[in-house]
Amino acid sequence: MLSKELLAEIGKIDNRDDIVEAWDILKRRHNQLNLKVARQLHIGQKVEFDSKHGYVVVGKVTKINAKTVSVKTTEGLPWRVSASLLRPAK
C-alpha cells in the first residue's frame, strides 16, 4: 500500500514530462515483478488469481509468455493473466 506521503508527492506532479517519467518507472518495476513471478512458474502448475469480478479463478499454467501467463481454468476456459496476479493454488 502506498504511504500518504508518497501519494501526496504524486499529487503534486504538475507537468506532463514528470508524469511520463513516473509512469515509465512504474511500468519498468511492474515488468520486473512479472518476470520474477514468471520465473517461478512452470507449465502444468496449478495456480489461482482473483478475477475482476471478485471471485477466485483456479487453473493450470499452459504457457508462459513475455508479459502474461496463459492459464486454463478447471472449467476449461482460457485466460491470459499478468504473472504478478498469480499465486500457487491451495
C-alpha atoms as a PDB file:
ATOM      1  CA  MET A   1       0.000   0.000   0.000  1.00  0.00           C
ATOM      2  CA  LEU A   2       1.275   3.455  -0.840  1.00  0.00           C
ATOM      3  CA  SER A   3       2.084   5.771   2.050  1.00  0.00           C
ATOM      4  CA  LYS A   4       0.177   9.024   2.480  1.00  0.00           C
ATOM      5  CA  GLU A   5       3.433  10.906   1.919  1.00  0.00           C
ATOM      6  CA  LEU A   6       4.079   9.184  -1.406  1.00  0.00           C
ATOM      7  CA  LEU A   7       0.521   9.775  -2.562  1.00  0.00           C
ATOM      8  CA  ALA A   8       0.830  13.448  -1.601  1.00  0.00           C
ATOM      9  CA  GLU A   9       4.052  13.766  -3.619  1.00  0.00           C
ATOM     10  CA  ILE A  10       2.448  12.106  -6.642  1.00  0.00           C
ATOM     11  CA  GLY A  11      -0.450  14.529  -6.344  1.00  0.00           C
ATOM     12  CA  LYS A  12       1.983  17.458  -6.556  1.00  0.00           C
ATOM     13  CA  ILE A  13       3.231  16.492 -10.024  1.00  0.00           C
ATOM     14  CA  ASP A  14       2.171  19.353 -12.253  1.00  0.00           C
ATOM     15  CA  ASN A  15       3.707  18.739 -15.652  1.00  0.00           C
ATOM     16  CA  ARG A  16       3.418  16.097 -18.314  1.00  0.00           C
ATOM     17  CA  ASP A  17       7.125  15.218 -18.531  1.00  0.00           C
ATOM     18  CA  ASP A  18       7.296  14.310 -14.835  1.00  0.00           C
ATOM     19  CA  ILE A  19       4.111  12.234 -15.117  1.00  0.00           C
ATOM     20  CA  VAL A  20       5.530  10.372 -18.117  1.00  0.00           C
ATOM     21  CA  GLU A  21       8.794   9.734 -16.251  1.00  0.00           C
ATOM     22  CA  ALA A  22       6.949   8.424 -13.165  1.00  0.00           C
ATOM     23  CA  TRP A  23       4.745   6.223 -15.364  1.00  0.00           C
ATOM     24  CA  ASP A  24       7.811   4.758 -17.101  1.00  0.00           C
ATOM     25  CA  ILE A  25       9.387   3.937 -13.734  1.00  0.00           C
ATOM     26  CA  LEU A  26       6.191   2.185 -12.594  1.00  0.00           C
ATOM     27  CA  LYS A  27       5.942   0.198 -15.837  1.00  0.00           C
ATOM     28  CA  ARG A  28       9.560  -0.959 -15.525  1.00  0.00           C
ATOM     29  CA  ARG A  29       9.006  -2.046 -11.917  1.00  0.00           C
ATOM     30  CA  HIS A  30       5.802  -3.870 -12.883  1.00  0.00           C
ATOM     31  CA  ASN A  31       7.667  -5.744 -15.628  1.00  0.00           C
ATOM     32  CA  GLN A  32      10.439  -6.686 -13.167  1.00  0.00           C
ATOM     33  CA  LEU A  33       7.882  -8.117 -10.738  1.00  0.00           C
ATOM     34  CA  ASN A  34       6.152 -10.037 -13.554  1.00  0.00           C
ATOM     35  CA  LEU A  35       9.452 -11.589 -14.641  1.00  0.00           C
ATOM     36  CA  LYS A  36      10.305 -12.549 -11.062  1.00  0.00           C
ATOM     37  CA  VAL A  37       6.975 -14.341 -10.616  1.00  0.00           C
ATOM     38  CA  ALA A  38       7.022 -15.888 -14.115  1.00  0.00           C
ATOM     39  CA  ARG A  39      10.437 -17.452 -13.440  1.00  0.00           C
ATOM     40  CA  GLN A  40       8.928 -19.331 -10.501  1.00  0.00           C
ATOM     41  CA  LEU A  41       6.110 -20.834 -12.586  1.00  0.00           C
ATOM     42  CA  HIS A  42       6.140 -23.954 -14.721  1.00  0.00           C
ATOM     43  CA  ILE A  43       3.818 -25.496 -17.302  1.00  0.00           C
ATOM     44  CA  GLY A  44       1.149 -27.606 -15.622  1.00  0.00           C
ATOM     45  CA  GLN A  45       1.416 -25.813 -12.290  1.00  0.00           C
ATOM     46  CA  LYS A  46      -1.899 -25.257 -10.522  1.00  0.00           C
ATOM     47  CA  VAL A  47      -2.433 -21.536  -9.872  1.00  0.00           C
ATOM     48  CA  GLU A  48      -5.180 -19.167  -8.820  1.00  0.00           C
ATOM     49  CA  PHE A  49      -5.968 -15.477  -9.121  1.00  0.00           C
ATOM     50  CA  ASP A  50      -8.737 -13.055  -8.242  1.00  0.00           C
ATOM     51  CA  SER A  51     -10.944 -12.093 -11.162  1.00  0.00           C
ATOM     52  CA  LYS A  52     -12.009  -8.502 -11.631  1.00  0.00           C
ATOM     53  CA  HIS A  53     -15.500  -9.659 -10.656  1.00  0.00           C
ATOM     54  CA  GLY A  54     -14.320 -10.706  -7.198  1.00  0.00           C
ATOM     55  CA  TYR A  55     -14.168 -14.489  -7.400  1.00  0.00           C
ATOM     56  CA  VAL A  56     -11.139 -16.780  -7.337  1.00  0.00           C
ATOM     57  CA  VAL A  57     -10.224 -18.468 -10.624  1.00  0.00           C
ATOM     58  CA  VAL A  58      -8.285 -21.748 -10.408  1.00  0.00           C
ATOM     59  CA  GLY A  59      -6.458 -23.361 -13.304  1.00  0.00           C
ATOM     60  CA  LYS A  60      -3.204 -24.724 -14.701  1.00  0.00           C
ATOM     61  CA  VAL A  61      -0.424 -22.865 -16.472  1.00  0.00           C
ATOM     62  CA  THR A  62      -0.402 -23.767 -20.163  1.00  0.00           C
ATOM     63  CA  LYS A  63       2.124 -21.226 -21.491  1.00  0.00           C
ATOM     64  CA  ILE A  64       4.473 -18.619 -20.056  1.00  0.00           C
ATOM     65  CA  ASN A  65       4.669 -15.595 -22.350  1.00  0.00           C
ATOM     66  CA  ALA A  66       6.871 -12.497 -22.133  1.00  0.00           C
ATOM     67  CA  LYS A  67       4.225 -10.360 -20.392  1.00  0.00           C
ATOM     68  CA  THR A  68       1.440 -12.773 -19.493  1.00  0.00           C
ATOM     69  CA  VAL A  69       0.811 -16.346 -18.441  1.00  0.00           C
ATOM     70  CA  SER A  70      -1.794 -18.473 -20.203  1.00  0.00           C
ATOM     71  CA  VAL A  71      -3.987 -20.386 -17.763  1.00  0.00           C
ATOM     72  CA  LYS A  72      -6.673 -22.969 -18.489  1.00  0.00           C
ATOM     73  CA  THR A  73      -9.314 -22.995 -15.755  1.00  0.00           C
ATOM     74  CA  THR A  74     -10.779 -26.098 -14.180  1.00  0.00           C
ATOM     75  CA  GLU A  75     -13.863 -25.358 -16.331  1.00  0.00           C
ATOM     76  CA  GLY A  76     -11.681 -25.419 -19.458  1.00  0.00           C
ATOM     77  CA  LEU A  77     -11.746 -21.670 -20.147  1.00  0.00           C
ATOM     78  CA  PRO A  78      -8.531 -19.953 -21.302  1.00  0.00           C
ATOM     79  CA  TRP A  79      -7.245 -16.811 -19.553  1.00  0.00           C
ATOM     80  CA  ARG A  80      -4.192 -14.611 -20.181  1.00  0.00           C
ATOM     81  CA  VAL A  81      -3.101 -13.170 -16.853  1.00  0.00           C
ATOM     82  CA  SER A  82      -0.288 -10.927 -15.696  1.00  0.00           C
ATOM     83  CA  ALA A  83       2.167 -13.134 -13.793  1.00  0.00           C
ATOM     84  CA  SER A  84       2.120 -10.781 -10.812  1.00  0.00           C
ATOM     85  CA  LEU A  85      -1.564 -11.613 -10.234  1.00  0.00           C
ATOM     86  CA  LEU A  86      -0.969 -15.361  -9.974  1.00  0.00           C
ATOM     87  CA  ARG A  87      -0.336 -17.403  -6.844  1.00  0.00           C
ATOM     88  CA  PRO A  88       0.040 -21.135  -6.279  1.00  0.00           C
ATOM     89  CA  ALA A  89      -3.368 -22.784  -5.808  1.00  0.00           C
ATOM     90  CA  LYS A  90      -4.175 -24.305  -2.442  1.00  0.00           C
END
